[in-house]
Structure formats: structure tokens, C-alpha cells
Amino acid sequence: MAENFNKGGRPTVANRCHNCVMLRFDDLEFDKLIRMMELAGESVKATFIKGLIFGKTFKVHKIDKTMLDYLTKLSALFAEYRNIGVNYNIVVRELKVGFSEKKAMTLLYRLEKETKELAAVTAKVLALTEDMRNQWSQKSQ
């Protein structure tokens, strides 16, 4: 009966950790440990060392700054494409309403020419993106 009696407080754990082991590192070893922890994304030294001792594998998360910048700029570029599409529709609607047919056709021809240039730039961006994806996949293998 005394085994089941709980006085309150924190619940008891079946496999309690009560054995303590202490390690001492020199400055170089400690710096290496800290670098390994940062690469693994771990924040608690004890659990990290315990995992290393008992063979737990840890993943290294590397963030490629150039890839992050490229993706940010690519997202901004496609946001601009959406804005261009909205403005394109507004311009065509206004050309129909506000100009004579001859003037509207001239302006539409110029608009079509600029759209073709934009399509060429888009093709170049897609080719660069494919190259970046190939380089990134080769690095990760």
C-alpha cells in the first residue's frame, strides 16, 4: 500500500535518470562541440552528447544563402508578373474605350512587342532556375 501512495508534486518516472557523468573539454574541443551542435540545430549540450554517445545520428542543416536570395527575388519577380497581368488587362480595356481604333491598334502593337520581350526574359529566368535546381540537387547528393 505504501508503494502506491503519492504525496503530491511531480509525478514519478519509471526510468529515472539519477546517474551523473561529467566531461571536461579543452577550448578547441569545446568549440568543435558547439559548432557541431549549431550545425545539428541542437540547443541542449547534454542531450546532444548523449545522442552522440549512444549512436543517435544527427542531421546537419545547411542553408545556402545564395539559393535563399535567388528564391526571394524569384518570388518577387513573379509577384511583379501578376501586377503586370492586372495592369495589362486595365490598359487593354482603356485602349478600347478611350482611343480611336487606329491609335489603339498602334498602342496594342507596342504592348504586344513588350509582352514578347517579357516572355523572352521569362524563358531566361526559367532556364536559370533549372540550372540552379540542377546545381542544388548535385550539392545535396
Protein backbone atom coordinates (compact mmCIF):
# COMPACT_ATOMS: atom_id res chain seq x y z
CA MET A 1 0.00 0.00 0.00
CA ALA A 2 2.89 2.38 0.74
CA GLU A 3 4.20 1.93 -2.83
CA ASN A 4 1.03 3.38 -4.37
CA PHE A 5 0.90 6.36 -2.01
CA ASN A 6 1.84 9.65 -3.69
CA LYS A 7 2.43 12.72 -1.53
CA GLY A 8 1.82 15.07 -4.46
CA GLY A 9 4.17 17.18 -6.53
CA ARG A 10 5.87 16.00 -9.67
CA PRO A 11 4.74 12.57 -10.96
CA THR A 12 7.28 9.79 -10.55
CA VAL A 13 9.03 8.43 -13.63
CA ALA A 14 9.66 4.70 -14.08
CA ASN A 15 13.16 5.06 -15.56
CA ARG A 16 14.56 7.99 -13.60
CA CYS A 17 17.93 9.46 -14.61
CA HIS A 18 19.93 9.73 -11.40
CA ASN A 19 23.44 8.78 -12.55
CA CYS A 20 25.63 11.74 -13.43
CA VAL A 21 28.71 11.66 -15.66
CA MET A 22 30.92 14.72 -16.02
CA LEU A 23 33.09 15.64 -19.00
CA ARG A 24 35.78 18.27 -19.32
CA PHE A 25 36.79 19.74 -22.68
CA ASP A 26 39.68 21.97 -23.61
CA ASP A 27 38.88 25.13 -25.59
CA LEU A 28 39.38 23.55 -29.04
CA GLU A 29 37.24 20.52 -28.23
CA PHE A 30 34.52 22.71 -26.73
CA ASP A 31 34.48 24.96 -29.83
CA LYS A 32 34.18 21.88 -32.03
CA LEU A 33 31.30 20.59 -29.88
CA ILE A 34 29.50 23.93 -30.09
CA ARG A 35 29.96 24.05 -33.90
CA MET A 36 28.58 20.51 -34.22
CA MET A 37 25.59 21.45 -32.06
CA GLU A 38 24.89 24.53 -34.17
CA LEU A 39 25.08 22.51 -37.39
CA ALA A 40 22.70 19.93 -35.96
CA GLY A 41 20.31 22.61 -34.70
CA GLU A 42 20.54 21.30 -31.13
CA SER A 43 20.42 23.68 -28.18
CA VAL A 44 20.97 21.43 -25.14
CA LYS A 45 24.52 20.11 -24.72
CA ALA A 46 23.56 17.16 -22.52
CA THR A 47 21.04 15.64 -24.93
CA PHE A 48 23.38 16.24 -27.87
CA ILE A 49 26.31 14.46 -26.19
CA LYS A 50 24.03 11.65 -25.01
CA GLY A 51 22.83 11.16 -28.57
CA LEU A 52 26.39 11.04 -29.88
CA ILE A 53 27.47 8.52 -27.27
CA PHE A 54 24.58 6.15 -27.91
CA GLY A 55 24.89 6.34 -31.69
CA LYS A 56 21.94 8.55 -32.49
CA THR A 57 22.52 10.11 -35.89
CA PHE A 58 22.13 13.82 -36.20
CA LYS A 59 21.28 15.83 -39.27
CA VAL A 60 23.24 18.85 -40.38
CA HIS A 61 21.03 21.64 -41.66
CA LYS A 62 22.88 23.94 -44.03
CA ILE A 63 21.18 26.96 -45.51
CA ASP A 64 22.54 28.12 -48.82
CA LYS A 65 22.34 31.91 -48.66
CA THR A 66 22.61 32.34 -52.44
CA MET A 67 19.72 29.93 -53.03
CA LEU A 68 17.62 31.73 -50.43
CA ASP A 69 18.33 35.11 -52.07
CA TYR A 70 17.57 33.70 -55.52
CA LEU A 71 14.24 32.25 -54.38
CA THR A 72 13.30 35.51 -52.68
CA LYS A 73 14.00 37.51 -55.81
CA LEU A 74 12.22 34.92 -57.96
CA SER A 75 9.12 35.21 -55.77
CA ALA A 76 9.24 38.99 -56.04
CA LEU A 77 9.61 38.72 -59.82
CA PHE A 78 6.53 36.52 -60.15
CA ALA A 79 4.60 38.91 -57.90
CA GLU A 80 5.53 41.65 -60.39
CA TYR A 81 4.27 39.41 -63.22
CA ARG A 82 0.90 39.23 -61.51
CA ASN A 83 0.85 43.03 -61.24
CA ILE A 84 1.80 43.33 -64.92
CA GLY A 85 -1.07 40.99 -65.83
CA VAL A 86 -3.58 43.10 -63.93
CA ASN A 87 -2.24 46.32 -65.47
CA TYR A 88 -2.24 44.70 -68.92
CA ASN A 89 -5.97 44.00 -68.66
CA ILE A 90 -6.68 47.54 -67.49
CA VAL A 91 -4.63 49.07 -70.34
CA VAL A 92 -6.36 46.97 -73.00
CA ARG A 93 -9.79 47.90 -71.61
CA GLU A 94 -8.89 51.60 -71.60
CA LEU A 95 -7.50 51.41 -75.13
CA LYS A 96 -10.81 50.05 -76.36
CA VAL A 97 -12.82 52.76 -74.65
CA GLY A 98 -10.65 55.88 -74.81
CA PHE A 99 -8.85 55.84 -78.17
CA SER A 100 -9.68 55.61 -81.83
CA GLU A 101 -9.26 52.22 -83.46
CA LYS A 102 -6.10 53.22 -85.35
CA LYS A 103 -4.40 54.70 -82.26
CA ALA A 104 -5.50 51.73 -80.15
CA MET A 105 -4.03 49.25 -82.68
CA THR A 106 -0.72 51.13 -82.71
CA LEU A 107 -0.52 51.09 -78.95
CA LEU A 108 -1.60 47.44 -78.81
CA TYR A 109 1.19 46.58 -81.25
CA ARG A 110 3.74 48.25 -78.95
CA LEU A 111 2.21 46.48 -75.96
CA GLU A 112 2.43 43.14 -77.78
CA LYS A 113 6.08 43.80 -78.61
CA GLU A 114 6.87 44.50 -74.93
CA THR A 115 4.95 41.36 -73.94
CA LYS A 116 7.11 39.26 -76.28
CA GLU A 117 10.24 40.73 -74.66
CA LEU A 118 8.80 39.88 -71.24
CA ALA A 119 8.15 36.31 -72.42
CA ALA A 120 11.80 36.05 -73.56
CA VAL A 121 13.00 37.27 -70.17
CA THR A 122 10.70 34.74 -68.50
CA ALA A 123 12.22 31.95 -70.60
CA LYS A 124 15.72 33.04 -69.49
CA VAL A 125 14.61 33.12 -65.84
CA LEU A 126 13.15 29.63 -66.15
CA ALA A 127 16.40 28.36 -67.71
CA LEU A 128 18.43 29.93 -64.88
CA THR A 129 16.08 28.40 -62.34
CA GLU A 130 16.51 24.97 -63.91
CA ASP A 131 20.31 25.39 -63.82
CA MET A 132 20.14 26.44 -60.17
CA ARG A 133 17.94 23.45 -59.36
CA ASN A 134 20.40 21.08 -61.07
CA GLN A 135 23.37 22.58 -59.20
CA TRP A 136 21.49 22.41 -55.89
CA SER A 137 20.49 18.78 -56.40
CA GLN A 138 24.11 17.87 -57.21
CA LYS A 139 25.29 19.55 -53.99
CA SER A 140 22.73 17.72 -51.87
CA GLN A 141 23.70 14.27 -53.15
